[in-house]
Amino acid sequence: MKPRFLLVYGLLIFASLSWAGSFVAVRVIHQEIPPIMLGFLRFVVATPVMFFLLFLLKKPFFLSKQKIPQLLVLALTGVTLLYMLQFTGVSLTSASTGGVLINTNVLFISLFSALFLHERFTRLKTMGVIISFIGVVFVMFGQMSNEQIVFDPSFLFGSILVILSAVCWAVYSIVGKHMLKEEDSLVVNANAFLLGTMLFLPFVYTDINLVIVNMSVSGLLAVLYLGLFCSVFAYIAWYYALSKSEAAESAVFLNFIPLFTILLSFFIGEYPTPLFLVGAGLIILGVVLVQKAKQQLRQMKIRENI
């Protein structure tokens, strides 16, 4: 394998592993730092770093006023609502549940693209969506051997919150894809981070000082990990690798996120049941089928244009 491909694949694995670790970090620290506050602090750390990168790369700091409506959608669905829902959901469930269910964003992207962008919904896509949603049911009820989890409605509520965060990510991806045709990805994300951080304020401003004053070293490390590794370093690694490889090829590495999350969960004493693993496998299989269907549609469009 050529060194360039080793670098690209290494960066894609690094990004996937970093994002998988975020679910574990939330589970470890959510009792000290409330989930919504943790989401806010993540972007308090990440946003200045993103703008510093814009300065170093001599890119514009802000988007035009005409982009504000789209930017507001990105800030809500890609920052504020996404992490309010996701972090709260993970705090009520488990790291592995969050890491698996968030992968359903690919399915929602396909559904929304068919509904609003009139993209073709092939048999393969349909099969993938159905298989994945069967997997979602398995995952949500996959801890059936543990009565403390299964019969606690907060676990099911948390699972629903994570799925809603996947819906947010799907909206962010579709709107973001449209904006990136005209704008630089780093500029768009930096602005979304800034506005999204501001939109957190009504939910956290009364507790900011108390949380910061009482934050432990573990809490600080978790915030720095989420802000720097998950929101900045992994982002840069992902987009660099994406620029050097096919989008479909890179997308496959997103399927490593639930796998890495399940493996990392063992270090914090979370052990998935066999039914949960079956559900996780079904979700990943469904996502792979949807990705395969997208790749086939792209190839068909290319042949039609020749």
Protein backbone atom coordinates (compact mmCIF):
# COMPACT_ATOMS: atom_id res chain seq x y z
CA MET A 1 0.00 0.00 0.00
CA LYS A 2 1.32 3.44 -0.95
CA PRO A 3 2.32 5.82 1.89
CA ARG A 4 -0.34 8.34 0.74
CA PHE A 5 -3.11 5.77 1.21
CA LEU A 6 -1.70 4.75 4.58
CA LEU A 7 -1.88 8.40 5.68
CA VAL A 8 -5.43 8.83 4.36
CA TYR A 9 -6.71 5.63 5.97
CA GLY A 10 -4.88 6.47 9.19
CA LEU A 11 -6.56 9.88 9.35
CA LEU A 12 -9.99 8.38 8.63
CA ILE A 13 -9.51 5.82 11.42
CA PHE A 14 -8.27 8.57 13.77
CA ALA A 15 -11.39 10.66 13.07
CA SER A 16 -13.73 7.69 13.54
CA LEU A 17 -11.98 6.63 16.76
CA SER A 18 -12.08 10.20 18.13
CA TRP A 19 -15.80 10.52 17.46
CA ALA A 20 -16.44 7.09 18.98
CA GLY A 21 -14.57 8.18 22.10
CA SER A 22 -16.93 11.13 22.54
CA PHE A 23 -19.76 8.80 23.61
CA VAL A 24 -17.52 7.22 26.23
CA ALA A 25 -16.37 10.64 27.46
CA VAL A 26 -19.98 11.76 27.94
CA ARG A 27 -20.82 8.62 29.92
CA VAL A 28 -17.74 9.05 32.13
CA ILE A 29 -18.29 12.70 33.00
CA HIS A 30 -22.05 13.40 32.68
CA GLN A 31 -22.65 13.14 36.44
CA GLU A 32 -20.13 15.91 37.08
CA ILE A 33 -20.95 18.13 34.09
CA PRO A 34 -24.60 18.13 32.95
CA PRO A 35 -24.99 17.01 29.31
CA ILE A 36 -26.18 20.35 27.93
CA MET A 37 -23.41 22.21 29.75
CA LEU A 38 -20.91 19.67 28.40
CA GLY A 39 -22.10 20.38 24.85
CA PHE A 40 -21.73 24.11 25.45
CA LEU A 41 -18.21 23.81 26.89
CA ARG A 42 -17.18 21.58 23.98
CA PHE A 43 -17.81 24.40 21.55
CA VAL A 44 -16.46 27.09 23.87
CA VAL A 45 -13.14 25.26 23.43
CA ALA A 46 -13.51 24.39 19.74
CA THR A 47 -14.80 27.70 18.33
CA PRO A 48 -11.74 29.92 19.09
CA VAL A 49 -9.44 27.23 17.68
CA MET A 50 -11.49 27.10 14.45
CA PHE A 51 -11.26 30.88 14.03
CA PHE A 52 -7.52 30.75 14.78
CA LEU A 53 -7.20 28.27 11.91
CA LEU A 54 -9.10 30.68 9.66
CA PHE A 55 -6.61 33.38 10.65
CA LEU A 56 -3.59 31.14 9.96
CA LEU A 57 -4.97 30.05 6.58
CA LYS A 58 -5.98 33.64 5.70
CA LYS A 59 -9.59 32.69 5.10
CA PRO A 60 -12.55 35.04 5.66
CA PHE A 61 -13.93 35.00 9.19
CA PHE A 62 -17.62 35.43 8.45
CA LEU A 63 -20.21 34.55 5.85
CA SER A 64 -22.39 37.10 4.05
CA LYS A 65 -25.67 38.27 5.59
CA GLN A 66 -27.59 36.39 2.90
CA LYS A 67 -26.30 33.13 4.39
CA ILE A 68 -27.62 33.80 7.91
CA PRO A 69 -30.89 31.80 7.54
CA GLN A 70 -28.98 28.73 6.32
CA LEU A 71 -26.32 29.28 8.96
CA LEU A 72 -28.98 29.38 11.67
CA VAL A 73 -30.25 25.97 10.51
CA LEU A 74 -26.69 24.60 10.57
CA ALA A 75 -26.02 26.03 14.04
CA LEU A 76 -29.20 24.52 15.47
CA THR A 77 -29.03 21.11 13.82
CA GLY A 78 -25.25 20.66 13.78
CA VAL A 79 -24.36 22.15 17.16
CA THR A 80 -27.01 23.22 19.67
CA LEU A 81 -29.93 20.81 19.20
CA LEU A 82 -27.68 18.00 17.99
CA TYR A 83 -25.56 17.89 21.13
CA MET A 84 -28.33 18.78 23.56
CA LEU A 85 -30.22 15.72 22.30
CA GLN A 86 -27.20 13.45 21.79
CA PHE A 87 -25.41 14.12 25.08
CA THR A 88 -28.63 13.94 27.10
CA GLY A 89 -29.58 10.72 25.32
CA VAL A 90 -26.19 9.13 25.97
CA SER A 91 -26.33 10.15 29.64
CA LEU A 92 -29.63 8.23 29.95
CA THR A 93 -28.53 5.12 28.02
CA SER A 94 -25.00 3.87 27.35
CA ALA A 95 -22.03 4.85 25.21
CA SER A 96 -22.52 1.90 22.85
CA THR A 97 -26.23 2.62 22.42
CA GLY A 98 -25.45 6.22 21.49
CA GLY A 99 -22.63 5.24 19.14
CA VAL A 100 -24.82 2.74 17.30
CA LEU A 101 -28.03 4.77 17.07
CA ILE A 102 -26.32 7.94 15.82
CA ASN A 103 -25.28 5.94 12.76
CA THR A 104 -28.91 6.07 11.61
CA ASN A 105 -28.24 9.61 10.36
CA VAL A 106 -27.30 8.03 7.00
CA LEU A 107 -30.80 6.59 6.75
CA PHE A 108 -32.46 9.90 7.54
CA ILE A 109 -30.27 11.65 4.96
CA SER A 110 -31.54 9.20 2.34
CA LEU A 111 -35.16 9.62 3.44
CA PHE A 112 -34.99 13.42 3.44
CA SER A 113 -33.14 13.47 0.12
CA ALA A 114 -35.94 11.39 -1.41
CA LEU A 115 -38.70 13.53 0.12
CA PHE A 116 -37.30 17.02 -0.42
CA LEU A 117 -34.61 16.68 -3.09
CA HIS A 118 -36.50 14.06 -5.13
CA GLU A 119 -33.56 11.67 -5.19
CA ARG A 120 -34.38 8.15 -6.31
CA PHE A 121 -35.22 5.66 -3.56
CA THR A 122 -34.15 2.32 -5.00
CA ARG A 123 -35.00 -1.17 -3.77
CA LEU A 124 -31.53 -1.49 -2.28
CA LYS A 125 -32.00 1.74 -0.31
CA THR A 126 -35.42 0.60 0.87
CA MET A 127 -34.00 -2.72 2.00
CA GLY A 128 -31.17 -0.95 3.84
CA VAL A 129 -33.52 1.41 5.65
CA ILE A 130 -35.87 -1.40 6.71
CA ILE A 131 -33.01 -3.61 7.96
CA SER A 132 -31.49 -0.72 9.91
CA PHE A 133 -34.72 0.26 11.60
CA ILE A 134 -35.27 -3.35 12.65
CA GLY A 135 -31.76 -3.09 14.12
CA VAL A 136 -32.79 0.10 15.95
CA VAL A 137 -35.59 -1.80 17.71
CA PHE A 138 -33.14 -4.54 18.68
CA VAL A 139 -30.66 -2.01 20.05
CA MET A 140 -33.29 -0.10 22.04
CA PHE A 141 -34.53 -3.31 23.66
CA GLY A 142 -31.20 -5.12 23.44
CA GLN A 143 -30.47 -4.94 27.16
CA MET A 144 -33.49 -7.13 27.89
CA SER A 145 -31.44 -9.35 30.19
CA ASN A 146 -30.83 -6.34 32.41
CA GLU A 147 -34.18 -5.43 33.96
CA GLN A 148 -32.80 -2.27 35.52
CA ILE A 149 -32.22 -0.85 32.04
CA VAL A 150 -35.10 -2.32 30.08
CA PHE A 151 -37.88 -1.34 32.45
CA ASP A 152 -36.49 2.10 33.10
CA PRO A 153 -38.39 4.43 30.74
CA SER A 154 -35.48 6.87 30.84
CA PHE A 155 -33.39 4.38 28.83
CA LEU A 156 -35.97 4.27 26.03
CA PHE A 157 -36.41 8.04 26.23
CA GLY A 158 -32.63 8.47 25.94
CA SER A 159 -32.57 6.18 22.88
CA ILE A 160 -35.26 8.32 21.24
CA LEU A 161 -33.23 11.47 21.97
CA VAL A 162 -30.17 9.98 20.26
CA ILE A 163 -32.27 9.07 17.21
CA LEU A 164 -33.63 12.64 17.13
CA SER A 165 -30.02 13.88 17.21
CA ALA A 166 -29.39 11.66 14.16
CA VAL A 167 -32.30 13.44 12.46
CA CYS A 168 -30.64 16.77 13.28
CA TRP A 169 -27.36 15.54 11.81
CA ALA A 170 -29.19 14.51 8.63
CA VAL A 171 -30.68 18.00 8.24
CA TYR A 172 -27.27 19.54 8.93
CA SER A 173 -25.67 17.33 6.29
CA ILE A 174 -28.21 18.18 3.59
CA VAL A 175 -28.22 21.94 4.23
CA GLY A 176 -24.44 21.94 4.70
CA LYS A 177 -23.89 20.09 1.43
CA HIS A 178 -25.81 22.82 -0.38
CA MET A 179 -23.81 25.60 1.30
CA LEU A 180 -20.46 23.92 0.64
CA LYS A 181 -21.06 24.27 -3.10
CA GLU A 182 -20.49 28.00 -2.61
CA GLU A 183 -18.56 28.37 0.65
CA ASP A 184 -15.39 27.01 2.28
CA SER A 185 -16.10 24.14 4.69
CA LEU A 186 -13.84 25.52 7.44
CA VAL A 187 -15.52 28.94 7.28
CA VAL A 188 -19.00 27.41 7.33
CA ASN A 189 -18.25 25.17 10.30
CA ALA A 190 -16.48 27.90 12.28
CA ASN A 191 -19.50 30.17 11.87
CA ALA A 192 -21.90 27.35 12.75
CA PHE A 193 -19.83 26.63 15.87
CA LEU A 194 -19.93 30.30 16.92
CA LEU A 195 -23.66 30.76 16.44
CA GLY A 196 -24.43 27.33 17.90
CA THR A 197 -22.41 28.17 21.03
CA MET A 198 -24.40 31.39 21.45
CA LEU A 199 -27.67 29.48 21.10
CA PHE A 200 -26.62 27.27 24.03
CA LEU A 201 -26.47 30.29 26.38
CA PRO A 202 -30.16 30.50 27.41
CA PHE A 203 -29.90 26.91 28.69
CA VAL A 204 -26.62 27.17 30.60
CA TYR A 205 -25.82 30.77 31.57
CA THR A 206 -27.04 30.45 35.18
CA ASP A 207 -24.72 27.50 35.93
CA ILE A 208 -21.55 28.32 33.97
CA ASN A 209 -19.55 29.76 36.90
CA LEU A 210 -20.60 26.99 39.29
CA VAL A 211 -19.63 24.21 36.86
CA ILE A 212 -16.27 25.76 35.94
CA VAL A 213 -15.28 26.48 39.56
CA ASN A 214 -16.07 22.90 40.64
CA MET A 215 -14.67 21.15 37.56
CA SER A 216 -12.27 18.31 38.29
CA VAL A 217 -9.19 17.41 36.26
CA SER A 218 -11.19 14.58 34.68
CA GLY A 219 -13.92 17.03 33.72
CA LEU A 220 -11.41 19.42 32.19
CA LEU A 221 -9.76 16.63 30.20
CA ALA A 222 -13.16 15.45 28.93
CA VAL A 223 -14.06 18.98 27.76
CA LEU A 224 -10.67 19.42 26.06
CA TYR A 225 -10.98 16.02 24.40
CA LEU A 226 -14.47 16.80 23.07
CA GLY A 227 -13.54 20.32 22.00
CA LEU A 228 -10.11 19.71 20.48
CA PHE A 229 -10.03 16.09 19.33
CA CYS A 230 -13.66 15.58 18.36
CA SER A 231 -14.58 19.03 17.03
CA VAL A 232 -11.26 20.27 15.62
CA PHE A 233 -8.57 17.62 15.03
CA ALA A 234 -10.93 14.89 13.84
CA TYR A 235 -12.75 17.40 11.62
CA ILE A 236 -9.49 18.51 9.97
CA ALA A 237 -8.31 14.91 9.57
CA TRP A 238 -11.64 13.87 8.03
CA TYR A 239 -11.83 16.70 5.50
CA TYR A 240 -8.17 16.33 4.52
CA ALA A 241 -8.66 12.60 3.95
CA LEU A 242 -11.88 13.33 2.06
CA SER A 243 -9.99 15.65 -0.28
CA LYS A 244 -7.54 12.83 -1.06
CA SER A 245 -10.02 9.98 -1.53
CA GLU A 246 -13.43 9.14 -2.95
CA ALA A 247 -16.38 10.28 -0.82
CA ALA A 248 -17.96 6.81 -0.94
CA GLU A 249 -14.68 5.24 0.17
CA SER A 250 -14.36 7.66 3.10
CA ALA A 251 -17.99 7.19 4.14
CA VAL A 252 -17.32 3.52 4.81
CA PHE A 253 -15.09 4.54 7.72
CA LEU A 254 -18.08 6.13 9.47
CA ASN A 255 -19.28 2.58 10.06
CA PHE A 256 -16.28 2.12 12.34
CA ILE A 257 -17.75 4.61 14.83
CA PRO A 258 -20.31 2.21 16.38
CA LEU A 259 -17.74 -0.62 16.33
CA PHE A 260 -15.10 1.51 18.05
CA THR A 261 -17.68 2.77 20.55
CA ILE A 262 -18.68 -0.77 21.52
CA LEU A 263 -15.03 -1.72 22.00
CA LEU A 264 -14.20 1.42 24.02
CA SER A 265 -17.28 0.88 26.18
CA PHE A 266 -15.65 -2.20 27.69
CA PHE A 267 -13.13 0.11 29.41
CA ILE A 268 -15.93 1.78 31.39
CA GLY A 269 -17.67 -1.46 32.31
CA GLU A 270 -20.45 -1.44 29.70
CA TYR A 271 -21.01 -4.87 28.19
CA PRO A 272 -23.54 -5.17 25.32
CA THR A 273 -25.89 -8.15 25.22
CA PRO A 274 -26.02 -10.53 22.23
CA LEU A 275 -29.36 -9.02 21.13
CA PHE A 276 -27.80 -5.56 21.19
CA LEU A 277 -24.91 -6.76 19.03
CA VAL A 278 -27.36 -8.29 16.54
CA GLY A 279 -29.17 -4.96 16.36
CA ALA A 280 -25.89 -3.09 15.90
CA GLY A 281 -24.94 -5.45 13.09
CA LEU A 282 -28.30 -4.92 11.37
CA ILE A 283 -27.93 -1.13 11.57
CA ILE A 284 -24.43 -1.24 10.11
CA LEU A 285 -25.57 -3.65 7.36
CA GLY A 286 -28.47 -1.37 6.49
CA VAL A 287 -26.23 1.68 6.37
CA VAL A 288 -23.76 -0.14 4.10
CA LEU A 289 -26.62 -1.07 1.73
CA VAL A 290 -27.81 2.55 1.63
CA GLN A 291 -24.27 3.73 0.91
CA LYS A 292 -23.97 1.10 -1.83
CA ALA A 293 -27.25 2.28 -3.37
CA LYS A 294 -25.98 5.89 -3.37
CA GLN A 295 -22.78 4.79 -5.10
CA GLN A 296 -24.78 2.94 -7.76
CA LEU A 297 -26.93 6.02 -8.40
CA ARG A 298 -23.81 8.19 -8.83
CA GLN A 299 -22.37 5.71 -11.33
CA MET A 300 -25.65 5.68 -13.25
CA LYS A 301 -25.66 9.49 -13.45
CA ILE A 302 -22.06 9.46 -14.70
CA ARG A 303 -22.94 6.94 -17.45
CA GLU A 304 -26.00 9.00 -18.44
CA ASN A 305 -23.83 12.11 -18.86
CA ILE A 306 -21.26 10.39 -21.05
